Amino acid sequence: MDKIKLIGLSGSLRKGSYNTLLLENTKKLLPEGVELEIVDISNIPFFSEDLEANDYPKVVEELNQKLGEADGFVIATPEYNFSYAPVVKNALDWASRAENAPLFGKHAAIISASPSPFGGARGQYHLRQVFVSLNLIPVNKPEVMVMSSHNKFDENGNLTDEFALKLLKELVHNLVDDIKKGKK
């Protein structure tokens, strides 16, 4: 089987973001033959039908091309006001309008890290609702929500919570297995 390509999106724009660190740690847990590219979505302009019709942003074209070439996705999102990050919403809105339908029918895993005791759970559940509209297929188990994240990474950005690492590895392996089943 060909190499499996995953795209990672981080909904946190903060320097030293726990969600971006979670994606970086995901790279270390990938099975052989799988690669994860983390794509910067911080420079994507807010979705606008005027931009879409008259001045389609090159950065959006590049994003949609990368999403289209991917076999699946890992989306790391913080929770803001019981929802997922607006930068993720914006990227998904642009992708939902792309002619190449880069998300349609593909598998995606959601992960989150938060200093709160909920670990971003409510944001994840809201994002799962949006997956229906996008025809993205979520990996349901295990759910990876790193709570009290400010205590779960060392000074080098390594995830130190053994249970979270176990869940993250299982989730990414389940994502890869689902992708492989779909390619048969």
C-alpha atoms as a PDB file:
ATOM      1  CA  MET A   1       0.000   0.000   0.000  1.00  0.00           C
ATOM      2  CA  ASP A   2       1.156   3.540  -0.729  1.00  0.00           C
ATOM      3  CA  LYS A   3       2.254   5.835   2.055  1.00  0.00           C
ATOM      4  CA  ILE A   4      -0.660   7.329   3.975  1.00  0.00           C
ATOM      5  CA  LYS A   5      -0.640  11.101   4.162  1.00  0.00           C
ATOM      6  CA  LEU A   6      -2.372  12.887   7.022  1.00  0.00           C
ATOM      7  CA  ILE A   7      -2.868  16.612   7.394  1.00  0.00           C
ATOM      8  CA  GLY A   8      -2.940  18.130  10.853  1.00  0.00           C
ATOM      9  CA  LEU A   9      -4.739  21.379  11.633  1.00  0.00           C
ATOM     10  CA  SER A  10      -4.270  23.228  14.904  1.00  0.00           C
ATOM     11  CA  GLY A  11      -7.020  25.529  16.066  1.00  0.00           C
ATOM     12  CA  SER A  12      -4.719  27.384  18.409  1.00  0.00           C
ATOM     13  CA  LEU A  13      -2.649  30.278  17.144  1.00  0.00           C
ATOM     14  CA  ARG A  14      -0.846  30.800  20.447  1.00  0.00           C
ATOM     15  CA  LYS A  15       2.914  30.383  20.541  1.00  0.00           C
ATOM     16  CA  GLY A  16       3.584  27.236  22.573  1.00  0.00           C
ATOM     17  CA  SER A  17       0.019  26.029  21.989  1.00  0.00           C
ATOM     18  CA  TYR A  18      -0.842  22.780  23.765  1.00  0.00           C
ATOM     19  CA  ASN A  19      -2.942  21.734  20.771  1.00  0.00           C
ATOM     20  CA  THR A  20      -0.069  22.249  18.354  1.00  0.00           C
ATOM     21  CA  LEU A  21       2.195  20.367  20.775  1.00  0.00           C
ATOM     22  CA  LEU A  22      -0.362  17.557  20.801  1.00  0.00           C
ATOM     23  CA  LEU A  23      -0.131  17.378  16.994  1.00  0.00           C
ATOM     24  CA  GLU A  24       3.677  17.360  17.188  1.00  0.00           C
ATOM     25  CA  ASN A  25       3.495  14.488  19.670  1.00  0.00           C
ATOM     26  CA  THR A  26       1.103  12.657  17.325  1.00  0.00           C
ATOM     27  CA  LYS A  27       3.866  12.553  14.702  1.00  0.00           C
ATOM     28  CA  LYS A  28       5.972  10.443  17.077  1.00  0.00           C
ATOM     29  CA  LEU A  29       3.232   7.819  17.414  1.00  0.00           C
ATOM     30  CA  LEU A  30       2.463   7.191  13.745  1.00  0.00           C
ATOM     31  CA  PRO A  31       2.711   3.689  12.356  1.00  0.00           C
ATOM     32  CA  GLU A  32       5.329   3.004   9.706  1.00  0.00           C
ATOM     33  CA  GLY A  33       4.324   4.273   6.275  1.00  0.00           C
ATOM     34  CA  VAL A  34       2.282   7.184   7.624  1.00  0.00           C
ATOM     35  CA  GLU A  35       3.245  10.849   7.577  1.00  0.00           C
ATOM     36  CA  LEU A  36       1.574  13.826   9.234  1.00  0.00           C
ATOM     37  CA  GLU A  37       2.052  17.341   7.895  1.00  0.00           C
ATOM     38  CA  ILE A  38       0.852  20.137  10.147  1.00  0.00           C
ATOM     39  CA  VAL A  39      -0.557  22.904   7.969  1.00  0.00           C
ATOM     40  CA  ASP A  40      -0.577  26.480   9.207  1.00  0.00           C
ATOM     41  CA  ILE A  41      -4.085  27.918   8.912  1.00  0.00           C
ATOM     42  CA  SER A  42      -3.384  31.169  10.748  1.00  0.00           C
ATOM     43  CA  ASN A  43      -3.112  33.196   7.543  1.00  0.00           C
ATOM     44  CA  ILE A  44      -6.365  32.046   5.931  1.00  0.00           C
ATOM     45  CA  PRO A  45      -8.631  35.090   5.444  1.00  0.00           C
ATOM     46  CA  PHE A  46     -12.143  34.971   6.851  1.00  0.00           C
ATOM     47  CA  PHE A  47     -14.483  33.245   4.431  1.00  0.00           C
ATOM     48  CA  SER A  48     -16.299  35.710   2.194  1.00  0.00           C
ATOM     49  CA  GLU A  49     -18.374  35.035  -0.892  1.00  0.00           C
ATOM     50  CA  ASP A  50     -16.935  38.262  -2.336  1.00  0.00           C
ATOM     51  CA  LEU A  51     -13.399  36.893  -1.999  1.00  0.00           C
ATOM     52  CA  GLU A  52     -14.553  33.541  -3.310  1.00  0.00           C
ATOM     53  CA  ALA A  53     -16.085  35.116  -6.429  1.00  0.00           C
ATOM     54  CA  ASN A  54     -13.644  37.901  -7.212  1.00  0.00           C
ATOM     55  CA  ASP A  55     -10.256  37.403  -5.624  1.00  0.00           C
ATOM     56  CA  TYR A  56      -9.875  33.791  -4.561  1.00  0.00           C
ATOM     57  CA  PRO A  57      -6.956  33.744  -2.098  1.00  0.00           C
ATOM     58  CA  LYS A  58      -3.893  31.785  -3.195  1.00  0.00           C
ATOM     59  CA  VAL A  59      -3.366  30.612   0.391  1.00  0.00           C
ATOM     60  CA  VAL A  60      -6.827  29.004   0.300  1.00  0.00           C
ATOM     61  CA  GLU A  61      -6.056  27.295  -3.022  1.00  0.00           C
ATOM     62  CA  GLU A  62      -2.890  25.885  -1.464  1.00  0.00           C
ATOM     63  CA  LEU A  63      -4.802  24.692   1.611  1.00  0.00           C
ATOM     64  CA  ASN A  64      -7.471  22.976  -0.482  1.00  0.00           C
ATOM     65  CA  GLN A  65      -4.822  21.297  -2.630  1.00  0.00           C
ATOM     66  CA  LYS A  66      -3.070  19.900   0.469  1.00  0.00           C
ATOM     67  CA  LEU A  67      -6.380  18.768   1.962  1.00  0.00           C
ATOM     68  CA  GLY A  68      -7.313  17.131  -1.331  1.00  0.00           C
ATOM     69  CA  GLU A  69      -4.039  15.199  -1.459  1.00  0.00           C
ATOM     70  CA  ALA A  70      -4.461  13.922   2.096  1.00  0.00           C
ATOM     71  CA  ASP A  71      -5.864  10.530   2.997  1.00  0.00           C
ATOM     72  CA  GLY A  72      -7.156  11.781   6.338  1.00  0.00           C
ATOM     73  CA  PHE A  73      -6.932  14.459   8.985  1.00  0.00           C
ATOM     74  CA  VAL A  74      -6.038  15.088  12.598  1.00  0.00           C
ATOM     75  CA  ILE A  75      -7.688  18.229  13.928  1.00  0.00           C
ATOM     76  CA  ALA A  76      -6.498  19.631  17.235  1.00  0.00           C
ATOM     77  CA  THR A  77      -8.783  22.260  18.654  1.00  0.00           C
ATOM     78  CA  PRO A  78      -9.013  24.163  21.865  1.00  0.00           C
ATOM     79  CA  GLU A  79     -12.426  24.848  23.319  1.00  0.00           C
ATOM     80  CA  TYR A  80     -13.673  28.415  23.209  1.00  0.00           C
ATOM     81  CA  ASN A  81     -17.061  29.176  24.792  1.00  0.00           C
ATOM     82  CA  PHE A  82     -18.281  25.565  24.519  1.00  0.00           C
ATOM     83  CA  SER A  83     -17.266  25.348  20.846  1.00  0.00           C
ATOM     84  CA  TYR A  84     -14.237  24.652  18.687  1.00  0.00           C
ATOM     85  CA  ALA A  85     -11.724  27.225  17.469  1.00  0.00           C
ATOM     86  CA  PRO A  86     -12.843  29.812  14.884  1.00  0.00           C
ATOM     87  CA  VAL A  87      -9.670  29.344  12.828  1.00  0.00           C
ATOM     88  CA  VAL A  88     -10.666  25.687  12.310  1.00  0.00           C
ATOM     89  CA  LYS A  89     -14.217  26.726  11.377  1.00  0.00           C
ATOM     90  CA  ASN A  90     -12.847  29.192   8.848  1.00  0.00           C
ATOM     91  CA  ALA A  91     -10.542  26.616   7.213  1.00  0.00           C
ATOM     92  CA  LEU A  92     -13.353  24.056   7.041  1.00  0.00           C
ATOM     93  CA  ASP A  93     -15.744  26.657   5.584  1.00  0.00           C
ATOM     94  CA  TRP A  94     -13.313  27.438   2.770  1.00  0.00           C
ATOM     95  CA  ALA A  95     -12.673  23.722   2.134  1.00  0.00           C
ATOM     96  CA  SER A  96     -16.400  22.983   2.049  1.00  0.00           C
ATOM     97  CA  ARG A  97     -16.749  25.332  -0.912  1.00  0.00           C
ATOM     98  CA  ALA A  98     -13.797  24.022  -2.925  1.00  0.00           C
ATOM     99  CA  GLU A  99     -14.465  22.442  -6.307  1.00  0.00           C
ATOM    100  CA  ASN A 100     -12.183  19.506  -5.489  1.00  0.00           C
ATOM    101  CA  ALA A 101     -14.261  18.661  -2.344  1.00  0.00           C
ATOM    102  CA  PRO A 102     -11.068  17.946  -0.377  1.00  0.00           C
ATOM    103  CA  LEU A 103     -12.827  16.703   2.764  1.00  0.00           C
ATOM    104  CA  PHE A 104     -15.659  14.652   1.303  1.00  0.00           C
ATOM    105  CA  GLY A 105     -15.782  11.077   2.565  1.00  0.00           C
ATOM    106  CA  LYS A 106     -12.416  11.170   4.315  1.00  0.00           C
ATOM    107  CA  HIS A 107     -11.636  10.077   7.859  1.00  0.00           C
ATOM    108  CA  ALA A 108     -10.653  12.507  10.593  1.00  0.00           C
ATOM    109  CA  ALA A 109      -9.590  12.330  14.207  1.00  0.00           C
ATOM    110  CA  ILE A 110     -10.238  15.120  16.681  1.00  0.00           C
ATOM    111  CA  ILE A 111      -7.885  15.800  19.573  1.00  0.00           C
ATOM    112  CA  SER A 112      -7.768  18.579  22.121  1.00  0.00           C
ATOM    113  CA  ALA A 113      -5.745  19.920  24.994  1.00  0.00           C
ATOM    114  CA  SER A 114      -6.935  22.455  27.517  1.00  0.00           C
ATOM    115  CA  PRO A 115      -5.927  23.742  30.920  1.00  0.00           C
ATOM    116  CA  SER A 116      -9.563  23.188  31.936  1.00  0.00           C
ATOM    117  CA  PRO A 117     -10.793  20.014  33.634  1.00  0.00           C
ATOM    118  CA  PHE A 118     -12.832  19.183  30.509  1.00  0.00           C
ATOM    119  CA  GLY A 119      -9.889  18.938  28.097  1.00  0.00           C
ATOM    120  CA  GLY A 120     -11.803  20.567  25.240  1.00  0.00           C
ATOM    121  CA  ALA A 121     -14.626  18.003  25.233  1.00  0.00           C
ATOM    122  CA  ARG A 122     -17.422  20.421  24.367  1.00  0.00           C
ATOM    123  CA  GLY A 123     -15.453  21.823  21.446  1.00  0.00           C
ATOM    124  CA  GLN A 124     -14.870  18.317  20.131  1.00  0.00           C
ATOM    125  CA  TYR A 125     -18.550  17.430  20.322  1.00  0.00           C
ATOM    126  CA  HIS A 126     -19.523  20.580  18.458  1.00  0.00           C
ATOM    127  CA  LEU A 127     -16.932  19.878  15.749  1.00  0.00           C
ATOM    128  CA  ARG A 128     -18.339  16.364  15.325  1.00  0.00           C
ATOM    129  CA  GLN A 129     -21.704  17.930  14.454  1.00  0.00           C
ATOM    130  CA  VAL A 130     -20.046  19.932  11.679  1.00  0.00           C
ATOM    131  CA  PHE A 131     -18.445  16.756  10.299  1.00  0.00           C
ATOM    132  CA  VAL A 132     -21.923  15.607   9.241  1.00  0.00           C
ATOM    133  CA  SER A 133     -22.328  18.565   6.901  1.00  0.00           C
ATOM    134  CA  LEU A 134     -18.834  18.078   5.492  1.00  0.00           C
ATOM    135  CA  ASN A 135     -19.269  14.313   5.087  1.00  0.00           C
ATOM    136  CA  LEU A 136     -16.128  13.804   7.159  1.00  0.00           C
ATOM    137  CA  ILE A 137     -16.034  10.452   8.904  1.00  0.00           C
ATOM    138  CA  PRO A 138     -14.948  10.807  12.538  1.00  0.00           C
ATOM    139  CA  VAL A 139     -12.842   8.270  14.370  1.00  0.00           C
ATOM    140  CA  ASN A 140     -15.076   7.801  17.389  1.00  0.00           C
ATOM    141  CA  LYS A 141     -12.798   6.025  19.839  1.00  0.00           C
ATOM    142  CA  PRO A 142     -10.853   6.667  21.854  1.00  0.00           C
ATOM    143  CA  GLU A 143     -11.591  10.282  22.624  1.00  0.00           C
ATOM    144  CA  VAL A 144      -8.396  12.215  23.291  1.00  0.00           C
ATOM    145  CA  MET A 145      -8.977  15.205  25.549  1.00  0.00           C
ATOM    146  CA  VAL A 146      -5.912  16.261  27.488  1.00  0.00           C
ATOM    147  CA  MET A 147      -7.190  18.106  30.552  1.00  0.00           C
ATOM    148  CA  SER A 148      -4.980  20.270  32.758  1.00  0.00           C
ATOM    149  CA  SER A 149      -2.669  20.486  29.762  1.00  0.00           C
ATOM    150  CA  HIS A 150      -0.435  23.061  31.407  1.00  0.00           C
ATOM    151  CA  ASN A 151       0.795  20.178  33.597  1.00  0.00           C
ATOM    152  CA  LYS A 152       1.050  17.517  30.870  1.00  0.00           C
ATOM    153  CA  PHE A 153       3.961  18.695  28.694  1.00  0.00           C
ATOM    154  CA  ASP A 154       7.623  19.010  29.636  1.00  0.00           C
ATOM    155  CA  GLU A 155       9.893  21.942  28.786  1.00  0.00           C
ATOM    156  CA  ASN A 156      10.672  20.339  25.390  1.00  0.00           C
ATOM    157  CA  GLY A 157       7.004  20.002  24.418  1.00  0.00           C
ATOM    158  CA  ASN A 158       6.819  16.261  25.048  1.00  0.00           C
ATOM    159  CA  LEU A 159       3.500  14.928  26.309  1.00  0.00           C
ATOM    160  CA  THR A 160       4.260  13.373  29.690  1.00  0.00           C
ATOM    161  CA  ASP A 161       0.854  11.905  30.533  1.00  0.00           C
ATOM    162  CA  GLU A 162       1.214   8.164  29.840  1.00  0.00           C
ATOM    163  CA  PHE A 163      -2.536   7.579  29.667  1.00  0.00           C
ATOM    164  CA  ALA A 164      -2.995  10.424  27.164  1.00  0.00           C
ATOM    165  CA  LEU A 165      -0.107   9.051  25.084  1.00  0.00           C
ATOM    166  CA  LYS A 166      -1.729   5.607  25.077  1.00  0.00           C
ATOM    167  CA  LEU A 167      -5.055   7.059  23.930  1.00  0.00           C
ATOM    168  CA  LEU A 168      -3.412   9.251  21.294  1.00  0.00           C
ATOM    169  CA  LYS A 169      -1.499   6.307  19.847  1.00  0.00           C
ATOM    170  CA  GLU A 170      -4.655   4.181  19.772  1.00  0.00           C
ATOM    171  CA  LEU A 171      -6.625   6.968  18.099  1.00  0.00           C
ATOM    172  CA  VAL A 172      -4.078   7.554  15.361  1.00  0.00           C
ATOM    173  CA  HIS A 173      -3.786   3.811  14.714  1.00  0.00           C
ATOM    174  CA  ASN A 174      -7.595   3.587  14.486  1.00  0.00           C
ATOM    175  CA  LEU A 175      -7.564   6.481  12.010  1.00  0.00           C
ATOM    176  CA  VAL A 176      -4.960   4.734   9.864  1.00  0.00           C
ATOM    177  CA  ASP A 177      -6.879   1.426  10.037  1.00  0.00           C
ATOM    178  CA  ASP A 178     -10.090   3.173   8.934  1.00  0.00           C
ATOM    179  CA  ILE A 179      -8.263   4.820   6.026  1.00  0.00           C
ATOM    180  CA  LYS A 180      -6.772   1.476   4.949  1.00  0.00           C
ATOM    181  CA  LYS A 181     -10.195  -0.203   5.065  1.00  0.00           C
ATOM    182  CA  GLY A 182     -11.571   2.542   2.842  1.00  0.00           C
ATOM    183  CA  LYS A 183      -8.773   2.131   0.270  1.00  0.00           C
ATOM    184  CA  LYS A 184      -9.436  -1.583  -0.314  1.00  0.00           C
END
